[in-house]
N, C-alpha and C. Protein backbone atom coordinates (compact mmCIF):
# COMPACT_ATOMS: atom_id res chain seq x y z
N MET A 1 130.18 101.16 121.76
CA MET A 1 128.98 101.81 121.46
C MET A 1 129.91 103.13 121.77
N SER A 2 129.91 104.19 120.48
CA SER A 2 129.83 105.32 121.01
C SER A 2 129.04 105.68 121.89
N ILE A 3 128.93 107.31 122.72
CA ILE A 3 128.12 107.80 123.60
C ILE A 3 128.38 109.13 123.60
N ASP A 4 127.80 110.55 123.42
CA ASP A 4 128.49 111.90 123.12
C ASP A 4 128.22 112.21 124.68
N PRO A 5 127.99 113.78 124.79
CA PRO A 5 127.75 114.14 125.61
C PRO A 5 126.61 114.54 125.83
N SER A 6 125.41 114.90 124.78
CA SER A 6 124.51 115.44 124.76
C SER A 6 123.51 113.56 125.27
N GLY A 7 124.23 112.63 125.18
CA GLY A 7 123.88 111.15 125.68
C GLY A 7 123.34 110.67 123.93
N LYS A 8 123.19 111.41 122.83
CA LYS A 8 122.92 110.20 121.59
C LYS A 8 123.30 109.74 121.70
N THR A 9 123.43 108.31 121.13
CA THR A 9 124.23 107.47 120.53
C THR A 9 124.04 107.10 119.05
N VAL A 10 125.39 106.05 118.16
CA VAL A 10 125.46 105.87 117.34
C VAL A 10 123.69 105.59 116.89
N ALA A 11 123.06 104.81 117.89
CA ALA A 11 121.70 103.75 116.97
C ALA A 11 120.80 105.10 116.86
N ASP A 12 120.47 106.49 118.38
CA ASP A 12 120.40 107.87 118.88
C ASP A 12 119.74 107.77 117.13
N VAL A 13 121.29 108.46 116.39
CA VAL A 13 121.62 108.89 115.11
C VAL A 13 121.13 108.37 114.18
N GLN A 14 121.85 106.81 114.54
CA GLN A 14 120.70 106.43 112.61
C GLN A 14 119.11 106.26 112.92
N ALA A 15 119.14 106.19 113.64
CA ALA A 15 117.68 106.42 113.66
C ALA A 15 116.78 107.64 113.64
N ILE A 16 117.45 108.38 113.75
CA ILE A 16 117.89 110.21 112.54
C ILE A 16 117.58 109.87 111.82
N VAL A 17 118.73 109.02 111.53
CA VAL A 17 119.16 108.47 109.81
C VAL A 17 117.57 108.28 109.35
N ASP A 18 116.86 107.09 109.53
CA ASP A 18 116.33 106.32 108.85
C ASP A 18 115.22 106.39 108.92
N ARG A 19 115.17 108.06 109.75
CA ARG A 19 113.41 108.09 109.00
C ARG A 19 113.42 109.30 108.21
N SER A 20 114.52 109.83 107.68
CA SER A 20 114.24 110.89 106.39
C SER A 20 114.28 109.70 105.51
N ALA A 21 113.30 109.98 104.30
CA ALA A 21 113.42 108.68 103.31
C ALA A 21 114.56 109.04 101.99
N PHE A 22 114.96 110.25 102.07
CA PHE A 22 116.09 111.02 101.60
C PHE A 22 117.02 109.80 102.43
N LEU A 23 117.96 110.74 103.69
CA LEU A 23 118.94 109.87 104.06
C LEU A 23 119.12 108.44 103.80
N SER A 24 117.91 107.69 103.87
CA SER A 24 117.90 106.61 103.89
C SER A 24 118.31 105.96 102.28
N TRP A 25 117.79 106.25 101.52
CA TRP A 25 118.19 106.26 99.93
C TRP A 25 119.51 107.07 100.07
N LEU A 26 119.88 107.70 100.31
CA LEU A 26 121.41 107.98 100.47
C LEU A 26 122.54 106.78 101.18
N GLY A 27 121.90 106.17 101.59
CA GLY A 27 122.15 104.27 102.23
C GLY A 27 123.54 104.38 103.53
N ILE A 28 123.17 106.12 104.70
CA ILE A 28 123.76 105.99 104.81
C ILE A 28 123.96 105.62 106.43
N LYS A 29 124.80 105.06 107.06
CA LYS A 29 124.98 104.16 108.39
C LYS A 29 125.87 105.16 109.01
N VAL A 30 125.90 105.14 110.37
CA VAL A 30 126.36 105.99 111.59
C VAL A 30 127.28 105.18 111.89
N ILE A 31 128.88 105.20 111.99
CA ILE A 31 130.00 104.17 112.08
C ILE A 31 130.71 105.07 113.23
N ALA A 32 130.33 106.24 113.41
CA ALA A 32 131.28 106.43 114.84
C ALA A 32 130.94 107.85 115.42
N LEU A 33 130.81 108.14 116.89
CA LEU A 33 129.53 109.21 117.20
C LEU A 33 130.92 109.84 118.41
N GLU A 34 131.54 111.46 118.04
CA GLU A 34 132.11 111.29 119.49
C GLU A 34 131.74 112.91 119.98
N SER A 35 131.96 113.76 120.51
CA SER A 35 131.79 114.96 121.37
C SER A 35 131.34 115.67 119.46
N ASP A 36 132.73 116.45 119.37
CA ASP A 36 132.49 117.47 117.84
C ASP A 36 132.54 116.62 116.71
N THR A 37 132.48 115.14 116.60
CA THR A 37 132.79 114.55 115.08
C THR A 37 131.59 113.27 114.95
N ILE A 38 131.83 112.86 113.35
CA ILE A 38 131.25 111.59 113.54
C ILE A 38 131.21 111.19 111.89
N GLU A 39 131.70 110.39 111.77
CA GLU A 39 131.65 109.22 110.76
C GLU A 39 130.75 108.48 110.17
N VAL A 40 130.47 108.66 108.77
CA VAL A 40 129.12 107.90 108.61
C VAL A 40 129.39 107.22 107.08
N ARG A 41 129.06 106.05 106.93
CA ARG A 41 129.59 105.60 105.43
C ARG A 41 127.99 105.43 104.57
N ALA A 42 128.32 105.49 103.18
CA ALA A 42 127.23 105.98 102.37
C ALA A 42 127.39 105.08 101.48
N THR A 43 126.26 104.41 101.34
CA THR A 43 126.60 102.84 99.97
C THR A 43 126.04 103.59 99.07
N TRP A 44 127.33 103.21 97.74
CA TRP A 44 126.59 103.76 96.40
C TRP A 44 125.45 102.70 95.46
N ARG A 45 124.85 104.26 95.16
CA ARG A 45 123.97 103.08 94.57
C ARG A 45 123.63 103.66 92.58
N SER A 46 123.10 102.99 91.56
CA SER A 46 123.73 103.25 90.73
C SER A 46 123.61 104.72 90.03
N GLU A 47 121.94 105.04 90.89
CA GLU A 47 121.62 106.09 90.71
C GLU A 47 121.87 107.65 91.65
N TRP A 48 123.64 107.27 92.00
CA TRP A 48 124.12 108.17 92.28
C TRP A 48 124.75 108.67 91.05
N VAL A 49 125.32 108.16 88.96
CA VAL A 49 126.03 108.05 88.69
C VAL A 49 125.23 109.21 87.45
N ALA A 50 125.77 110.10 87.89
CA ALA A 50 126.08 111.62 86.68
C ALA A 50 125.85 111.39 84.85
N ASN A 51 126.99 110.53 84.76
CA ASN A 51 127.52 110.60 83.32
C ASN A 51 127.68 108.59 83.66
N PRO A 52 126.59 108.34 82.58
CA PRO A 52 127.02 106.25 82.95
C PRO A 52 127.90 105.45 82.15
N VAL A 53 128.55 106.95 81.35
CA VAL A 53 130.06 106.53 80.22
C VAL A 53 131.03 107.07 81.70
N VAL A 54 131.42 108.09 82.17
CA VAL A 54 132.68 107.73 82.54
C VAL A 54 132.53 107.17 84.20
N GLY A 55 130.60 107.07 84.60
CA GLY A 55 130.49 106.25 85.50
C GLY A 55 130.92 107.10 87.04
N GLN A 56 130.38 108.75 87.00
CA GLN A 56 131.59 109.09 88.43
C GLN A 56 130.19 109.84 89.13
N THR A 57 129.98 109.79 90.66
CA THR A 57 128.87 110.70 90.99
C THR A 57 128.70 112.19 91.23
N GLN A 58 127.42 112.10 90.82
CA GLN A 58 126.99 112.96 90.76
C GLN A 58 127.51 113.99 91.99
N GLY A 59 127.51 115.12 91.42
CA GLY A 59 128.62 116.23 93.02
C GLY A 59 127.44 116.60 93.87
N GLY A 60 126.08 116.60 93.35
CA GLY A 60 124.98 116.79 93.97
C GLY A 60 124.60 116.06 95.44
N ILE A 61 124.61 115.14 95.30
CA ILE A 61 124.75 113.28 96.40
C ILE A 61 126.54 113.95 96.88
N LEU A 62 127.38 114.12 96.26
CA LEU A 62 128.90 114.20 97.11
C LEU A 62 128.76 115.67 97.79
N SER A 63 127.95 116.69 97.33
CA SER A 63 127.41 117.59 98.48
C SER A 63 126.81 117.13 99.89
N ALA A 64 125.48 116.70 99.16
CA ALA A 64 124.44 116.59 100.08
C ALA A 64 125.42 115.50 101.46
N LEU A 65 126.33 114.57 101.45
CA LEU A 65 126.72 113.77 102.42
C LEU A 65 127.86 115.11 103.40
N ILE A 66 128.34 115.89 102.62
CA ILE A 66 129.18 116.60 103.09
C ILE A 66 128.17 117.31 104.05
N ASP A 67 127.03 118.06 103.39
CA ASP A 67 125.67 118.51 104.35
C ASP A 67 126.05 117.28 105.32
N PHE A 68 125.23 116.76 105.83
CA PHE A 68 125.37 115.61 105.87
C PHE A 68 126.07 115.72 107.25
N ALA A 69 127.39 114.83 107.40
CA ALA A 69 128.21 114.81 107.92
C ALA A 69 128.70 115.78 109.20
N ALA A 70 129.07 117.27 108.26
CA ALA A 70 129.26 118.70 108.71
C ALA A 70 127.82 118.86 109.95
N CYS A 71 126.74 119.23 110.05
CA CYS A 71 125.58 119.40 110.17
C CYS A 71 125.36 118.81 111.58
N PHE A 72 125.64 116.58 110.97
CA PHE A 72 125.88 115.72 112.32
C PHE A 72 126.87 115.77 112.91
N SER A 73 127.46 116.12 112.99
CA SER A 73 128.78 116.61 113.81
C SER A 73 128.56 117.48 114.73
N LEU A 74 127.38 117.78 114.73
CA LEU A 74 126.96 119.60 115.91
C LEU A 74 125.63 118.49 116.80
N MET A 75 125.76 116.79 116.35
CA MET A 75 123.97 116.44 117.42
C MET A 75 124.73 116.17 118.70
N SER A 76 126.65 116.64 119.41
CA SER A 76 126.50 116.01 120.93
C SER A 76 126.12 117.67 121.01
N LYS A 77 126.04 118.36 120.63
CA LYS A 77 126.09 119.83 121.08
C LYS A 77 124.86 120.45 121.16
N ILE A 78 124.05 119.91 119.99
CA ILE A 78 122.20 120.04 120.48
C ILE A 78 121.63 119.50 119.70
N GLY A 79 121.81 118.07 119.80
CA GLY A 79 121.11 116.64 120.01
C GLY A 79 119.75 116.80 118.83
N ARG A 80 120.09 117.04 118.30
CA ARG A 80 119.47 117.76 116.46
C ARG A 80 119.94 118.01 115.66
N PRO A 81 119.07 116.99 114.67
CA PRO A 81 120.42 118.18 112.97
C PRO A 81 119.39 119.88 113.38
N ALA A 82 120.60 120.44 112.52
CA ALA A 82 120.34 121.84 112.26
C ALA A 82 120.13 122.14 110.95
N PHE A 83 119.78 123.58 110.84
CA PHE A 83 119.55 124.41 109.87
C PHE A 83 121.03 124.68 109.29
N THR A 84 120.60 123.93 107.86
CA THR A 84 121.53 124.98 107.15
C THR A 84 121.96 126.37 106.88
N VAL A 85 123.29 127.55 106.85
CA VAL A 85 122.91 128.56 106.22
C VAL A 85 123.35 128.70 105.24
N ASP A 86 125.36 127.60 104.92
CA ASP A 86 125.61 128.20 103.75
C ASP A 86 126.51 127.06 103.89
N LEU A 87 126.48 126.53 102.27
CA LEU A 87 127.31 125.46 102.05
C LEU A 87 128.86 125.90 101.03
N ARG A 88 129.80 125.49 101.75
CA ARG A 88 130.66 125.61 100.18
C ARG A 88 131.15 123.84 99.81
N THR A 89 130.65 123.75 98.90
CA THR A 89 131.65 122.12 98.72
C THR A 89 133.34 122.24 97.56
N ASP A 90 134.05 121.59 97.78
CA ASP A 90 134.98 121.56 96.80
C ASP A 90 135.46 120.38 96.66
N TYR A 91 135.74 119.75 94.89
CA TYR A 91 135.70 118.47 94.69
C TYR A 91 137.00 118.12 93.92
N HIS A 92 137.04 117.53 94.72
CA HIS A 92 138.99 117.27 94.01
C HIS A 92 139.18 116.22 93.41
N ARG A 93 138.10 114.90 93.69
CA ARG A 93 138.57 113.83 92.44
C ARG A 93 137.38 113.02 92.19
N ALA A 94 137.17 112.97 91.34
CA ALA A 94 136.21 111.94 90.89
C ALA A 94 136.03 110.56 91.08
N SER A 95 134.58 109.97 91.84
CA SER A 95 134.11 109.04 92.86
C SER A 95 133.29 108.40 91.95
N LYS A 96 133.72 107.16 91.49
CA LYS A 96 133.11 106.14 90.67
C LYS A 96 132.96 104.57 91.02
N ASN A 97 130.92 104.38 91.26
CA ASN A 97 130.91 102.98 91.52
C ASN A 97 131.85 102.41 92.84
N SER A 98 132.11 103.63 93.63
CA SER A 98 132.12 103.60 95.17
C SER A 98 131.65 103.50 96.76
N ASP A 99 131.63 102.84 97.33
CA ASP A 99 130.96 103.48 99.12
C ASP A 99 131.56 104.90 99.60
N LEU A 100 130.96 105.66 99.69
CA LEU A 100 131.91 106.38 100.12
C LEU A 100 131.50 106.93 102.17
N VAL A 101 132.75 107.16 102.68
CA VAL A 101 133.02 107.61 103.96
C VAL A 101 132.65 109.50 103.68
N ALA A 102 131.80 110.22 105.24
CA ALA A 102 132.48 111.11 105.16
C ALA A 102 132.40 111.46 106.98
N LYS A 103 133.00 111.83 106.92
CA LYS A 103 133.61 112.45 108.38
C LYS A 103 134.04 113.81 108.13
N GLY A 104 132.41 114.50 109.34
CA GLY A 104 132.31 115.68 109.73
C GLY A 104 133.17 115.77 112.06
N SER A 105 133.04 117.28 111.45
CA SER A 105 133.82 118.13 112.66
C SER A 105 132.98 119.51 112.11
N VAL A 106 133.47 119.87 113.88
CA VAL A 106 132.52 121.28 114.72
C VAL A 106 134.18 121.95 114.92
N ILE A 107 133.82 123.50 114.34
CA ILE A 107 135.16 124.18 113.55
C ILE A 107 135.21 125.23 115.28
N LYS A 108 134.07 125.93 114.71
CA LYS A 108 133.40 126.50 116.11
C LYS A 108 131.59 126.55 116.65
N PHE A 109 131.99 126.27 117.99
CA PHE A 109 130.65 126.14 118.44
C PHE A 109 130.09 127.74 118.61
N GLY A 110 128.87 128.28 118.42
CA GLY A 110 127.90 129.70 118.93
C GLY A 110 126.81 129.45 118.97
N LYS A 111 126.51 129.99 119.61
CA LYS A 111 124.89 130.39 120.66
C LYS A 111 123.85 130.12 118.81
N GLN A 112 124.18 131.17 117.94
CA GLN A 112 123.16 131.39 117.05
C GLN A 112 123.69 130.75 115.84
N VAL A 113 125.19 130.00 115.79
CA VAL A 113 125.35 129.08 114.41
C VAL A 113 126.83 128.99 114.83
N ALA A 114 127.00 127.53 113.97
CA ALA A 114 128.23 126.88 114.20
C ALA A 114 128.89 126.65 112.70
N THR A 115 129.87 126.79 112.52
CA THR A 115 130.82 126.48 111.82
C THR A 115 131.78 124.82 111.57
N CYS A 116 131.60 124.39 111.29
CA CYS A 116 131.80 123.06 110.19
C CYS A 116 132.13 122.62 109.99
N GLU A 117 132.96 121.44 109.57
CA GLU A 117 133.46 120.67 107.94
C GLU A 117 133.18 119.01 108.11
N ALA A 118 133.03 118.91 106.41
CA ALA A 118 133.51 117.64 106.90
C ALA A 118 134.41 117.30 105.17
N GLU A 119 135.17 116.22 105.68
CA GLU A 119 136.08 115.40 104.46
C GLU A 119 135.03 114.11 103.82
N LEU A 120 134.95 113.81 102.66
CA LEU A 120 134.74 112.16 101.52
C LEU A 120 135.71 111.85 101.21
N PHE A 121 135.39 110.08 101.61
CA PHE A 121 136.87 108.93 101.17
C PHE A 121 135.73 108.42 100.34
N ASP A 122 136.48 107.99 99.00
CA ASP A 122 136.57 106.81 99.32
C ASP A 122 136.74 105.25 99.91
N LEU A 123 136.91 104.23 99.67
CA LEU A 123 137.04 103.22 99.64
C LEU A 123 138.35 102.62 100.25
N GLU A 124 138.92 103.51 99.18
CA GLU A 124 140.80 103.15 99.25
C GLU A 124 141.45 104.34 99.88
N GLY A 125 140.01 105.07 100.82
CA GLY A 125 140.57 105.87 101.38
C GLY A 125 141.06 107.82 100.47
N ARG A 126 141.09 107.58 99.40
CA ARG A 126 141.19 108.95 98.31
C ARG A 126 140.17 110.00 98.82
N LEU A 127 140.70 110.96 98.60
CA LEU A 127 139.66 112.73 98.97
C LEU A 127 139.19 112.69 97.67
N ILE A 128 137.68 112.80 98.26
CA ILE A 128 136.92 113.07 96.94
C ILE A 128 136.31 114.37 97.24
N ALA A 129 135.72 114.76 98.13
CA ALA A 129 135.76 115.66 98.11
C ALA A 129 135.74 116.99 99.50
N SER A 130 135.97 118.30 99.74
CA SER A 130 135.66 117.96 101.44
C SER A 130 134.82 119.85 101.75
N GLY A 131 134.74 120.25 102.82
CA GLY A 131 133.60 121.53 102.63
C GLY A 131 133.28 121.87 103.79
N ARG A 132 133.52 123.31 104.22
CA ARG A 132 132.59 123.50 105.52
C ARG A 132 130.75 124.55 105.10
N GLY A 133 130.64 124.46 106.45
CA GLY A 133 129.20 125.44 106.33
C GLY A 133 129.22 125.76 108.03
N THR A 134 127.73 126.75 107.49
CA THR A 134 127.40 127.38 108.70
C THR A 134 125.97 127.23 108.91
N PHE A 135 125.71 126.62 109.60
CA PHE A 135 124.42 126.05 110.98
C PHE A 135 124.13 126.55 111.74
N LEU A 136 122.79 127.29 111.61
CA LEU A 136 121.84 127.53 112.67
C LEU A 136 122.07 127.09 114.05
N THR A 137 123.00 126.80 115.44
CA THR A 137 122.20 126.42 115.95
C THR A 137 121.17 126.53 117.41
N ALA A 138 121.05 127.90 117.21
CA ALA A 138 119.25 128.35 117.99
C ALA A 138 118.17 127.44 117.92
N SER A 139 117.47 127.48 118.86
CA SER A 139 116.87 126.72 118.67
C SER A 139 114.93 127.83 118.17
N SER A 140 115.01 127.46 117.05
CA SER A 140 113.30 127.32 116.18
C SER A 140 112.05 127.98 117.02
N SER A 141 112.32 127.31 118.03
CA SER A 141 111.06 127.72 119.39
C SER A 141 111.23 129.17 119.98
């Protein structure tokens, strides 16, 4: 079992995921949690398909997974999910009927905001999408 410096375990982060209807719908399972990184697997759903003729996963699903992995890479720093301030997603290839693996990491942690990135792979290890975002690290209270 991985434990990050904040004391959050994979099970703790999975419990946060399981409380969210949307994240649960995405089929997110936390695989690994380290000091500045997270790795998750999302289970493919037929509802993800944008075009049934082609069968590719809708871009919004890919962007949501990039957002999640980048944001949750901050878990060791702040011990909770952060609000997304800005997010950019680059789509590199179509994903068709495949579970996806998202890997997020912290690039720069600040008192007010952090910059994080994530990469999304299919089960054959091909890069599907990548992205970078800015997240609010300051407490809202």
